[in-house]
Amino acid sequence: MGCTPMRGRAAAIAGLALMLASAPGLAQTVGACDWRGQAAMIPEPWEENSRTFANGAVRIALSDPGEPPCCSASLIVLVPGEIYGRSCFIVRDEEIGWWDVDIAGVTAQYDPARGLLLSVPVVSPHPLGGADRESARVIALRVNQAEGSVTLE
């Protein structure tokens, strides 16, 4: 006995909802930039979707290719590095992207012994669509310019 089209859709939606319901607890990842780190992925206007810190040495930018529509936002972090003078990192949710990354809301603190700490507000997608404002949280990134590294705290 097979599923009717309506039951099939309902099962698919229920499965997606179950997957997304766990999204706020998923781990964040930092890795070398991939296709999401390309300039074409930064939405216009760039002035609103990117910022600099540490006298311009560190740049962050929203990466949002628009697919999937529910959760495509990531964060690009550019730090001083050996290749072309910059290293590029992409920060994202491990399984899915975020609904939103609040670039304007990013705050920075500098500790000479540990490096620059960026606090980045993010919002996960809601299991039934749209933003899940209850999942809004702040992720902390440590930028070590001397090492050219970005780590999660």
C-alpha atoms as a PDB file:
ATOM      1  CA  MET A   1       0.000   0.000   0.000  1.00  0.00           C
ATOM      2  CA  GLY A   2       1.626   3.269  -1.140  1.00  0.00           C
ATOM      3  CA  CYS A   3       1.336   6.801   0.125  1.00  0.00           C
ATOM      4  CA  THR A   4      -1.100   9.111  -1.539  1.00  0.00           C
ATOM      5  CA  PRO A   5       0.501  12.328  -2.855  1.00  0.00           C
ATOM      6  CA  MET A   6      -0.966  14.310   0.052  1.00  0.00           C
ATOM      7  CA  ARG A   7       0.302  11.841   2.656  1.00  0.00           C
ATOM      8  CA  GLY A   8       3.693  11.810   0.921  1.00  0.00           C
ATOM      9  CA  ARG A   9       3.901  15.603   1.136  1.00  0.00           C
ATOM     10  CA  ALA A  10       2.777  15.558   4.743  1.00  0.00           C
ATOM     11  CA  ALA A  11       5.456  12.985   5.584  1.00  0.00           C
ATOM     12  CA  ALA A  12       8.105  15.057   3.787  1.00  0.00           C
ATOM     13  CA  ILE A  13       7.060  18.221   5.622  1.00  0.00           C
ATOM     14  CA  ALA A  14       7.035  16.358   8.943  1.00  0.00           C
ATOM     15  CA  GLY A  15      10.524  15.012   8.232  1.00  0.00           C
ATOM     16  CA  LEU A  16      11.822  18.475   7.330  1.00  0.00           C
ATOM     17  CA  ALA A  17      10.210  19.942  10.438  1.00  0.00           C
ATOM     18  CA  LEU A  18      11.849  17.277  12.585  1.00  0.00           C
ATOM     19  CA  MET A  19      15.235  17.985  11.009  1.00  0.00           C
ATOM     20  CA  LEU A  20      14.912  21.743  11.427  1.00  0.00           C
ATOM     21  CA  ALA A  21      13.560  21.450  14.955  1.00  0.00           C
ATOM     22  CA  SER A  22      16.962  20.273  16.040  1.00  0.00           C
ATOM     23  CA  ALA A  23      18.762  23.045  14.146  1.00  0.00           C
ATOM     24  CA  PRO A  24      19.427  25.378  17.097  1.00  0.00           C
ATOM     25  CA  GLY A  25      21.428  22.683  18.846  1.00  0.00           C
ATOM     26  CA  LEU A  26      23.600  21.842  15.865  1.00  0.00           C
ATOM     27  CA  ALA A  27      27.263  22.637  15.965  1.00  0.00           C
ATOM     28  CA  GLN A  28      28.781  25.543  14.123  1.00  0.00           C
ATOM     29  CA  THR A  29      31.790  24.966  11.899  1.00  0.00           C
ATOM     30  CA  VAL A  30      34.737  27.037  10.727  1.00  0.00           C
ATOM     31  CA  GLY A  31      36.499  25.943   7.570  1.00  0.00           C
ATOM     32  CA  ALA A  32      38.426  27.214   4.594  1.00  0.00           C
ATOM     33  CA  CYS A  33      36.270  29.218   2.211  1.00  0.00           C
ATOM     34  CA  ASP A  34      34.484  27.255  -0.457  1.00  0.00           C
ATOM     35  CA  TRP A  35      32.051  28.575  -3.074  1.00  0.00           C
ATOM     36  CA  ARG A  36      30.145  30.412  -0.297  1.00  0.00           C
ATOM     37  CA  GLY A  37      33.246  32.577   0.244  1.00  0.00           C
ATOM     38  CA  GLN A  38      33.075  34.142  -3.210  1.00  0.00           C
ATOM     39  CA  ALA A  39      32.338  37.862  -3.501  1.00  0.00           C
ATOM     40  CA  ALA A  40      29.239  37.097  -5.594  1.00  0.00           C
ATOM     41  CA  MET A  41      27.646  35.528  -2.482  1.00  0.00           C
ATOM     42  CA  ILE A  42      27.754  38.819  -0.538  1.00  0.00           C
ATOM     43  CA  PRO A  43      24.358  40.500  -0.899  1.00  0.00           C
ATOM     44  CA  GLU A  44      24.184  44.162  -1.877  1.00  0.00           C
ATOM     45  CA  PRO A  45      24.667  46.698  -0.441  1.00  0.00           C
ATOM     46  CA  TRP A  46      28.101  45.565   0.703  1.00  0.00           C
ATOM     47  CA  GLU A  47      28.302  48.439   3.204  1.00  0.00           C
ATOM     48  CA  GLU A  48      25.422  46.842   5.163  1.00  0.00           C
ATOM     49  CA  ASN A  49      26.585  43.247   4.777  1.00  0.00           C
ATOM     50  CA  SER A  50      30.256  43.545   5.677  1.00  0.00           C
ATOM     51  CA  ARG A  51      32.376  45.182   8.386  1.00  0.00           C
ATOM     52  CA  THR A  52      36.016  45.550   9.303  1.00  0.00           C
ATOM     53  CA  PHE A  53      37.761  45.230  12.655  1.00  0.00           C
ATOM     54  CA  ALA A  54      41.342  45.579  13.936  1.00  0.00           C
ATOM     55  CA  ASN A  55      42.037  48.704  11.878  1.00  0.00           C
ATOM     56  CA  GLY A  56      40.792  46.994   8.714  1.00  0.00           C
ATOM     57  CA  ALA A  57      42.932  43.861   9.076  1.00  0.00           C
ATOM     58  CA  VAL A  58      39.913  41.611   9.753  1.00  0.00           C
ATOM     59  CA  ARG A  59      36.821  41.688   7.543  1.00  0.00           C
ATOM     60  CA  ILE A  60      33.550  39.836   7.990  1.00  0.00           C
ATOM     61  CA  ALA A  61      30.761  39.556   5.442  1.00  0.00           C
ATOM     62  CA  LEU A  62      27.393  37.882   5.095  1.00  0.00           C
ATOM     63  CA  SER A  63      27.372  35.093   2.535  1.00  0.00           C
ATOM     64  CA  ASP A  64      23.867  34.337   1.274  1.00  0.00           C
ATOM     65  CA  PRO A  65      23.521  32.488  -2.023  1.00  0.00           C
ATOM     66  CA  GLY A  66      19.746  32.295  -1.506  1.00  0.00           C
ATOM     67  CA  GLU A  67      19.524  28.500  -1.710  1.00  0.00           C
ATOM     68  CA  PRO A  68      17.996  26.844   0.130  1.00  0.00           C
ATOM     69  CA  PRO A  69      15.652  29.754   0.801  1.00  0.00           C
ATOM     70  CA  CYS A  70      15.081  28.680   4.412  1.00  0.00           C
ATOM     71  CA  CYS A  71      18.640  28.718   5.579  1.00  0.00           C
ATOM     72  CA  SER A  72      21.412  29.868   3.297  1.00  0.00           C
ATOM     73  CA  ALA A  73      23.230  32.464   5.401  1.00  0.00           C
ATOM     74  CA  SER A  74      26.864  31.934   6.417  1.00  0.00           C
ATOM     75  CA  LEU A  75      29.651  34.241   7.571  1.00  0.00           C
ATOM     76  CA  ILE A  76      32.849  34.973   5.654  1.00  0.00           C
ATOM     77  CA  VAL A  77      35.867  35.949   7.787  1.00  0.00           C
ATOM     78  CA  LEU A  78      39.000  37.345   6.130  1.00  0.00           C
ATOM     79  CA  VAL A  79      42.149  37.548   8.252  1.00  0.00           C
ATOM     80  CA  PRO A  80      45.793  38.316   7.496  1.00  0.00           C
ATOM     81  CA  GLY A  81      47.395  35.264   5.908  1.00  0.00           C
ATOM     82  CA  GLU A  82      50.179  34.022   3.690  1.00  0.00           C
ATOM     83  CA  ILE A  83      48.304  33.522   0.418  1.00  0.00           C
ATOM     84  CA  TYR A  84      47.625  36.883  -1.269  1.00  0.00           C
ATOM     85  CA  GLY A  85      47.973  38.450   2.178  1.00  0.00           C
ATOM     86  CA  ARG A  86      44.595  37.063   3.355  1.00  0.00           C
ATOM     87  CA  SER A  87      43.106  33.816   4.625  1.00  0.00           C
ATOM     88  CA  CYS A  88      39.407  33.190   4.046  1.00  0.00           C
ATOM     89  CA  PHE A  89      37.179  31.230   6.422  1.00  0.00           C
ATOM     90  CA  ILE A  90      33.500  30.322   6.210  1.00  0.00           C
ATOM     91  CA  VAL A  91      31.511  29.991   9.434  1.00  0.00           C
ATOM     92  CA  ARG A  92      28.178  28.218   9.271  1.00  0.00           C
ATOM     93  CA  ASP A  93      25.827  25.841  10.938  1.00  0.00           C
ATOM     94  CA  GLU A  94      27.122  22.288  10.563  1.00  0.00           C
ATOM     95  CA  GLU A  95      24.053  20.897   8.795  1.00  0.00           C
ATOM     96  CA  ILE A  96      22.138  23.893   7.472  1.00  0.00           C
ATOM     97  CA  GLY A  97      22.770  27.598   7.193  1.00  0.00           C
ATOM     98  CA  TRP A  98      21.210  30.280   9.321  1.00  0.00           C
ATOM     99  CA  TRP A  99      18.106  32.277   8.535  1.00  0.00           C
ATOM    100  CA  ASP A 100      20.026  35.457   9.299  1.00  0.00           C
ATOM    101  CA  VAL A 101      23.419  36.753  10.411  1.00  0.00           C
ATOM    102  CA  ASP A 102      23.201  40.241  11.962  1.00  0.00           C
ATOM    103  CA  ILE A 103      26.350  41.918  10.622  1.00  0.00           C
ATOM    104  CA  ALA A 104      25.426  45.286  12.167  1.00  0.00           C
ATOM    105  CA  GLY A 105      25.020  43.611  15.566  1.00  0.00           C
ATOM    106  CA  VAL A 106      28.514  42.077  15.651  1.00  0.00           C
ATOM    107  CA  THR A 107      30.600  43.267  18.594  1.00  0.00           C
ATOM    108  CA  ALA A 108      34.343  42.932  19.106  1.00  0.00           C
ATOM    109  CA  GLN A 109      36.659  42.713  22.115  1.00  0.00           C
ATOM    110  CA  TYR A 110      40.420  42.538  21.892  1.00  0.00           C
ATOM    111  CA  ASP A 111      42.632  40.597  24.280  1.00  0.00           C
ATOM    112  CA  PRO A 112      46.358  40.924  23.420  1.00  0.00           C
ATOM    113  CA  ALA A 113      47.055  37.429  24.764  1.00  0.00           C
ATOM    114  CA  ARG A 114      44.220  35.672  22.913  1.00  0.00           C
ATOM    115  CA  GLY A 115      43.262  37.816  19.947  1.00  0.00           C
ATOM    116  CA  LEU A 116      40.069  39.422  18.705  1.00  0.00           C
ATOM    117  CA  LEU A 117      36.755  38.018  19.947  1.00  0.00           C
ATOM    118  CA  LEU A 118      33.805  38.588  17.610  1.00  0.00           C
ATOM    119  CA  SER A 119      30.289  38.041  18.982  1.00  0.00           C
ATOM    120  CA  VAL A 120      27.975  37.356  16.046  1.00  0.00           C
ATOM    121  CA  PRO A 121      24.161  37.306  16.405  1.00  0.00           C
ATOM    122  CA  VAL A 122      22.551  34.540  14.300  1.00  0.00           C
ATOM    123  CA  VAL A 123      18.992  33.276  13.814  1.00  0.00           C
ATOM    124  CA  SER A 124      18.085  29.733  12.776  1.00  0.00           C
ATOM    125  CA  PRO A 125      15.179  28.896  10.477  1.00  0.00           C
ATOM    126  CA  HIS A 126      11.836  27.951  12.015  1.00  0.00           C
ATOM    127  CA  PRO A 127      10.763  24.344  11.362  1.00  0.00           C
ATOM    128  CA  LEU A 128       7.559  25.573   9.704  1.00  0.00           C
ATOM    129  CA  GLY A 129       9.180  28.370   7.718  1.00  0.00           C
ATOM    130  CA  GLY A 130      10.539  31.826   8.360  1.00  0.00           C
ATOM    131  CA  ALA A 131      12.867  32.930  11.116  1.00  0.00           C
ATOM    132  CA  ASP A 132      12.824  31.258  14.506  1.00  0.00           C
ATOM    133  CA  ARG A 133      13.363  34.341  16.697  1.00  0.00           C
ATOM    134  CA  GLU A 134      13.384  32.087  19.774  1.00  0.00           C
ATOM    135  CA  SER A 135      16.533  30.434  18.411  1.00  0.00           C
ATOM    136  CA  ALA A 136      18.388  33.742  18.143  1.00  0.00           C
ATOM    137  CA  ARG A 137      21.766  33.398  19.783  1.00  0.00           C
ATOM    138  CA  VAL A 138      25.287  34.762  19.655  1.00  0.00           C
ATOM    139  CA  ILE A 139      28.222  32.713  18.426  1.00  0.00           C
ATOM    140  CA  ALA A 140      31.735  33.671  19.509  1.00  0.00           C
ATOM    141  CA  LEU A 141      34.681  33.622  17.104  1.00  0.00           C
ATOM    142  CA  ARG A 142      38.288  34.088  18.156  1.00  0.00           C
ATOM    143  CA  VAL A 143      40.511  35.629  15.468  1.00  0.00           C
ATOM    144  CA  ASN A 144      44.245  35.247  15.967  1.00  0.00           C
ATOM    145  CA  GLN A 145      45.890  37.519  13.411  1.00  0.00           C
ATOM    146  CA  ALA A 146      49.425  36.320  14.219  1.00  0.00           C
ATOM    147  CA  GLU A 147      48.441  32.733  13.373  1.00  0.00           C
ATOM    148  CA  GLY A 148      45.915  33.632  10.669  1.00  0.00           C
ATOM    149  CA  SER A 149      43.290  31.528  12.406  1.00  0.00           C
ATOM    150  CA  VAL A 150      39.601  31.654  13.300  1.00  0.00           C
ATOM    151  CA  THR A 151      38.151  29.371  15.973  1.00  0.00           C
ATOM    152  CA  LEU A 152      34.804  28.990  17.710  1.00  0.00           C
ATOM    153  CA  GLU A 153      34.510  29.540  21.464  1.00  0.00           C
END
